[in-house]
C-alpha atoms as a PDB file:
ATOM      1  CA  MET A   1     -10.661 -22.727  15.155  1.00  0.00           C
ATOM      2  CA  MET A   2     -11.731 -26.025  13.259  1.00  0.00           C
ATOM      3  CA  GLU A   3     -13.301 -28.966  14.979  1.00  0.00           C
ATOM      4  CA  PRO A   4     -11.894 -32.128  14.818  1.00  0.00           C
ATOM      5  CA  GLY A   5     -12.867 -33.963  11.698  1.00  0.00           C
ATOM      6  CA  ARG A   6     -14.473 -31.006   9.905  1.00  0.00           C
ATOM      7  CA  ARG A   7     -13.234 -30.024   6.807  1.00  0.00           C
ATOM      8  CA  PRO A   8     -11.571 -26.310   6.244  1.00  0.00           C
ATOM      9  CA  THR A   9     -13.900 -23.972   4.043  1.00  0.00           C
ATOM     10  CA  ALA A  10     -13.072 -22.598   0.788  1.00  0.00           C
ATOM     11  CA  ARG A  11     -11.907 -19.541   2.675  1.00  0.00           C
ATOM     12  CA  GLU A  12      -9.423 -21.058   5.162  1.00  0.00           C
ATOM     13  CA  ALA A  13      -8.195 -23.614   2.583  1.00  0.00           C
ATOM     14  CA  ALA A  14      -7.550 -20.311   0.493  1.00  0.00           C
ATOM     15  CA  ILE A  15      -5.997 -18.105   3.470  1.00  0.00           C
ATOM     16  CA  ARG A  16      -3.546 -21.086   4.158  1.00  0.00           C
ATOM     17  CA  ARG A  17      -2.612 -21.641   0.342  1.00  0.00           C
ATOM     18  CA  TRP A  18      -2.177 -17.620  -1.063  1.00  0.00           C
ATOM     19  CA  LEU A  19      -1.190 -15.977   2.130  1.00  0.00           C
ATOM     20  CA  PRO A  20       2.375 -18.219   2.129  1.00  0.00           C
ATOM     21  CA  ILE A  21       2.944 -17.380  -1.115  1.00  0.00           C
ATOM     22  CA  GLY A  22       2.017 -13.584  -1.117  1.00  0.00           C
ATOM     23  CA  LEU A  23       4.153 -13.220   2.077  1.00  0.00           C
ATOM     24  CA  ARG A  24       7.200 -15.192   0.525  1.00  0.00           C
ATOM     25  CA  ALA A  25       6.541 -12.619  -2.454  1.00  0.00           C
ATOM     26  CA  ALA A  26       7.034  -9.746  -0.321  1.00  0.00           C
ATOM     27  CA  ALA A  27      10.078 -10.904   1.311  1.00  0.00           C
ATOM     28  CA  LEU A  28      11.558 -11.517  -1.769  1.00  0.00           C
ATOM     29  CA  LEU A  29      10.791  -8.339  -3.369  1.00  0.00           C
ATOM     30  CA  LEU A  30      12.394  -6.310  -0.433  1.00  0.00           C
ATOM     31  CA  VAL A  31      15.625  -8.435  -1.033  1.00  0.00           C
ATOM     32  CA  PRO A  32      16.753  -5.691  -3.786  1.00  0.00           C
ATOM     33  CA  TRP A  33      15.682  -3.077  -1.835  1.00  0.00           C
ATOM     34  CA  ILE A  34      17.998  -4.177   0.920  1.00  0.00           C
ATOM     35  CA  VAL A  35      20.865  -4.290  -1.619  1.00  0.00           C
ATOM     36  CA  VAL A  36      20.016  -0.470  -3.193  1.00  0.00           C
ATOM     37  CA  LEU A  37      19.899   0.655   0.275  1.00  0.00           C
ATOM     38  CA  GLY A  38      23.406  -1.111   1.426  1.00  0.00           C
ATOM     39  CA  LEU A  39      24.762  -0.030  -1.378  1.00  0.00           C
ATOM     40  CA  SER A  40      23.768   3.737  -0.840  1.00  0.00           C
ATOM     41  CA  VAL A  41      25.129   3.864   3.046  1.00  0.00           C
ATOM     42  CA  ARG A  42      28.624   5.500   2.854  1.00  0.00           C
ATOM     43  CA  ARG A  43      30.468   3.569   5.594  1.00  0.00           C
ATOM     44  CA  PHE A  44      28.560   0.422   5.883  1.00  0.00           C
ATOM     45  CA  GLY A  45      28.989  -1.200   9.404  1.00  0.00           C
ATOM     46  CA  ALA A  46      29.543   2.387  11.001  1.00  0.00           C
ATOM     47  CA  ARG A  47      27.337   3.322  13.912  1.00  0.00           C
ATOM     48  CA  ASN A  48      24.789   5.538  11.482  1.00  0.00           C
ATOM     49  CA  LEU A  49      21.322   5.988  11.193  1.00  0.00           C
ATOM     50  CA  ALA A  50      21.504   4.702   7.421  1.00  0.00           C
ATOM     51  CA  ASN A  51      22.279   1.088   8.676  1.00  0.00           C
ATOM     52  CA  SER A  52      19.011   1.260  10.702  1.00  0.00           C
ATOM     53  CA  TRP A  53      17.227   0.816   7.837  1.00  0.00           C
ATOM     54  CA  VAL A  54      19.216  -2.000   5.650  1.00  0.00           C
ATOM     55  CA  TRP A  55      18.745  -3.954   9.251  1.00  0.00           C
ATOM     56  CA  LEU A  56      15.339  -3.086  10.092  1.00  0.00           C
ATOM     57  CA  ASP A  57      14.277  -4.021   6.789  1.00  0.00           C
ATOM     58  CA  VAL A  58      16.570  -7.172   7.193  1.00  0.00           C
ATOM     59  CA  MET A  59      14.279  -8.556   9.992  1.00  0.00           C
ATOM     60  CA  GLU A  60      11.359  -7.489   7.958  1.00  0.00           C
ATOM     61  CA  VAL A  61      12.425 -10.171   5.641  1.00  0.00           C
ATOM     62  CA  ALA A  62      12.978 -12.672   7.741  1.00  0.00           C
ATOM     63  CA  ALA A  63       9.861 -12.178   9.859  1.00  0.00           C
ATOM     64  CA  LEU A  64       7.618 -12.551   6.601  1.00  0.00           C
ATOM     65  CA  LEU A  65       9.479 -15.630   5.540  1.00  0.00           C
ATOM     66  CA  LEU A  66       8.948 -17.395   9.173  1.00  0.00           C
ATOM     67  CA  LEU A  67       5.323 -16.073   8.695  1.00  0.00           C
ATOM     68  CA  ALA A  68       4.796 -17.911   5.633  1.00  0.00           C
ATOM     69  CA  ALA A  69       6.120 -20.838   7.315  1.00  0.00           C
ATOM     70  CA  LEU A  70       3.629 -21.112  10.181  1.00  0.00           C
ATOM     71  CA  VAL A  71       0.738 -19.818   8.632  1.00  0.00           C
ATOM     72  CA  ARG A  72       0.845 -22.620   6.200  1.00  0.00           C
ATOM     73  CA  ARG A  73       1.323 -25.342   9.234  1.00  0.00           C
ATOM     74  CA  ARG A  74      -1.413 -23.126  11.321  1.00  0.00           C
ATOM     75  CA  HIS A  75       1.072 -22.999  13.921  1.00  0.00           C
ATOM     76  CA  ARG A  76       0.482 -21.574  17.212  1.00  0.00           C
ATOM     77  CA  ALA A  77       3.250 -18.784  17.225  1.00  0.00           C
ATOM     78  CA  THR A  78       1.749 -17.300  13.934  1.00  0.00           C
ATOM     79  CA  SER A  79      -0.405 -14.783  15.673  1.00  0.00           C
ATOM     80  CA  PRO A  80       2.245 -13.140  17.954  1.00  0.00           C
ATOM     81  CA  LEU A  81       4.700 -12.995  14.873  1.00  0.00           C
ATOM     82  CA  ALA A  82       2.001 -11.398  12.727  1.00  0.00           C
ATOM     83  CA  ALA A  83       1.789  -8.784  15.046  1.00  0.00           C
ATOM     84  CA  ALA A  84       5.254  -8.333  15.677  1.00  0.00           C
ATOM     85  CA  THR A  85       5.422  -8.276  11.852  1.00  0.00           C
ATOM     86  CA  ALA A  86       2.645  -5.361  11.667  1.00  0.00           C
ATOM     87  CA  VAL A  87       4.281  -3.275  14.067  1.00  0.00           C
ATOM     88  CA  LEU A  88       8.044  -3.742  12.152  1.00  0.00           C
ATOM     89  CA  LEU A  89       6.237  -2.418   8.954  1.00  0.00           C
ATOM     90  CA  ALA A  90       4.244   0.183  10.425  1.00  0.00           C
ATOM     91  CA  MET A  91       6.968   1.324  12.392  1.00  0.00           C
ATOM     92  CA  ASP A  92       9.124   1.361   9.007  1.00  0.00           C
ATOM     93  CA  ALA A  93       6.524   3.353   7.202  1.00  0.00           C
ATOM     94  CA  TYR A  94       6.708   5.854   9.966  1.00  0.00           C
ATOM     95  CA  PHE A  95      10.173   6.117  10.309  1.00  0.00           C
ATOM     96  CA  ASP A  96      10.697   6.506   6.714  1.00  0.00           C
ATOM     97  CA  ILE A  97       8.492   9.467   6.048  1.00  0.00           C
ATOM     98  CA  TRP A  98       9.531  11.268   9.129  1.00  0.00           C
ATOM     99  CA  SER A  99      13.328  10.963   7.980  1.00  0.00           C
ATOM    100  CA  ALA A 100      12.883  11.475   4.494  1.00  0.00           C
ATOM    101  CA  HIS A 101      13.887  14.575   3.058  1.00  0.00           C
ATOM    102  CA  ARG A 102      11.663  16.933   0.843  1.00  0.00           C
ATOM    103  CA  GLY A 103      11.261  16.200  -2.622  1.00  0.00           C
ATOM    104  CA  SER A 104      11.457  12.559  -4.364  1.00  0.00           C
ATOM    105  CA  ASP A 105      12.587  10.955  -1.263  1.00  0.00           C
ATOM    106  CA  TYR A 106       9.455  12.215   0.859  1.00  0.00           C
ATOM    107  CA  LEU A 107       7.766  11.407  -2.488  1.00  0.00           C
ATOM    108  CA  LEU A 108       8.990   7.841  -2.362  1.00  0.00           C
ATOM    109  CA  ALA A 109       8.464   7.254   1.451  1.00  0.00           C
ATOM    110  CA  GLN A 110       4.916   8.189   1.102  1.00  0.00           C
ATOM    111  CA  VAL A 111       4.279   5.762  -2.095  1.00  0.00           C
ATOM    112  CA  LEU A 112       5.833   3.046   0.035  1.00  0.00           C
ATOM    113  CA  ALA A 113       4.039   3.194   3.247  1.00  0.00           C
ATOM    114  CA  TYR A 114       0.585   4.451   1.981  1.00  0.00           C
ATOM    115  CA  CYS A 115       0.906   1.638  -1.013  1.00  0.00           C
ATOM    116  CA  ALA A 116       2.718  -0.924   0.336  1.00  0.00           C
ATOM    117  CA  GLU A 117       3.731  -0.751   4.373  1.00  0.00           C
ATOM    118  CA  LEU A 118       0.646   0.001   5.980  1.00  0.00           C
ATOM    119  CA  PRO A 119      -1.652  -1.719   3.801  1.00  0.00           C
ATOM    120  CA  SER A 120       0.619  -4.989   4.541  1.00  0.00           C
ATOM    121  CA  ALA A 121       0.728  -3.887   8.350  1.00  0.00           C
ATOM    122  CA  THR A 122      -3.195  -4.055   8.499  1.00  0.00           C
ATOM    123  CA  VAL A 123      -3.463  -7.814   6.320  1.00  0.00           C
ATOM    124  CA  LEU A 124      -1.095  -8.819   9.054  1.00  0.00           C
ATOM    125  CA  ALA A 125      -2.887  -7.367  12.118  1.00  0.00           C
ATOM    126  CA  ALA A 126      -5.833  -8.862  10.885  1.00  0.00           C
ATOM    127  CA  LEU A 127      -3.846 -12.251  10.385  1.00  0.00           C
ATOM    128  CA  SER A 128      -2.788 -11.863  13.714  1.00  0.00           C
ATOM    129  CA  TRP A 129      -6.735 -11.979  14.803  1.00  0.00           C
ATOM    130  CA  TYR A 130      -7.796 -14.678  12.549  1.00  0.00           C
ATOM    131  CA  SER A 131      -4.748 -16.819  13.770  1.00  0.00           C
ATOM    132  CA  LEU A 132      -5.743 -16.804  17.554  1.00  0.00           C
ATOM    133  CA  PRO A 133      -7.499 -19.658  17.975  1.00  0.00           C
ATOM    134  CA  TRP A 134      -4.669 -21.544  16.397  1.00  0.00           C
ATOM    135  CA  ALA A 135      -2.857 -21.349  19.496  1.00  0.00           C
ATOM    136  CA  ALA A 136      -5.889 -22.362  21.619  1.00  0.00           C
ATOM    137  CA  PRO A 137      -5.751 -26.064  23.010  1.00  0.00           C
ATOM    138  CA  GLU A 138      -8.084 -28.522  21.543  1.00  0.00           C
ATOM    139  CA  PRO A 139     -11.240 -29.100  23.106  1.00  0.00           C
ATOM    140  CA  VAL A 140     -11.429 -32.273  25.104  1.00  0.00           C
ATOM    141  CA  SER A 141     -14.262 -34.554  24.348  1.00  0.00           C
ATOM    142  CA  SER A 142     -15.651 -36.772  26.766  1.00  0.00           C
END
């Protein structure tokens, strides 16, 4: 946690500047994927498993955009939201691999899981740990 009057380190400044940009970019990159998924669902709105993937990705986009705003402000809610978003991404990777059919669908699920979703979940888990002091109360100076 930064003491009052202490300037942020170069690392802290870089995180506050670049991480929100990366989070917003990840959210925007998910939007075309959501459109593709939505168009491939036969009966959108009907109760089926395919709709679950669309809404899970919509939740991921919302969480990433909110997280970008919270990181920029060093908000106290950053840590729990980063942890929850990491869980969403890991769960998405698990169920994508688990439910994919053999062949190209399974290969795509593995590539997305191992190259995008799980590394992103790891970064967000680290962010959750790193941002814990943001929620701590300021020390009272006497």
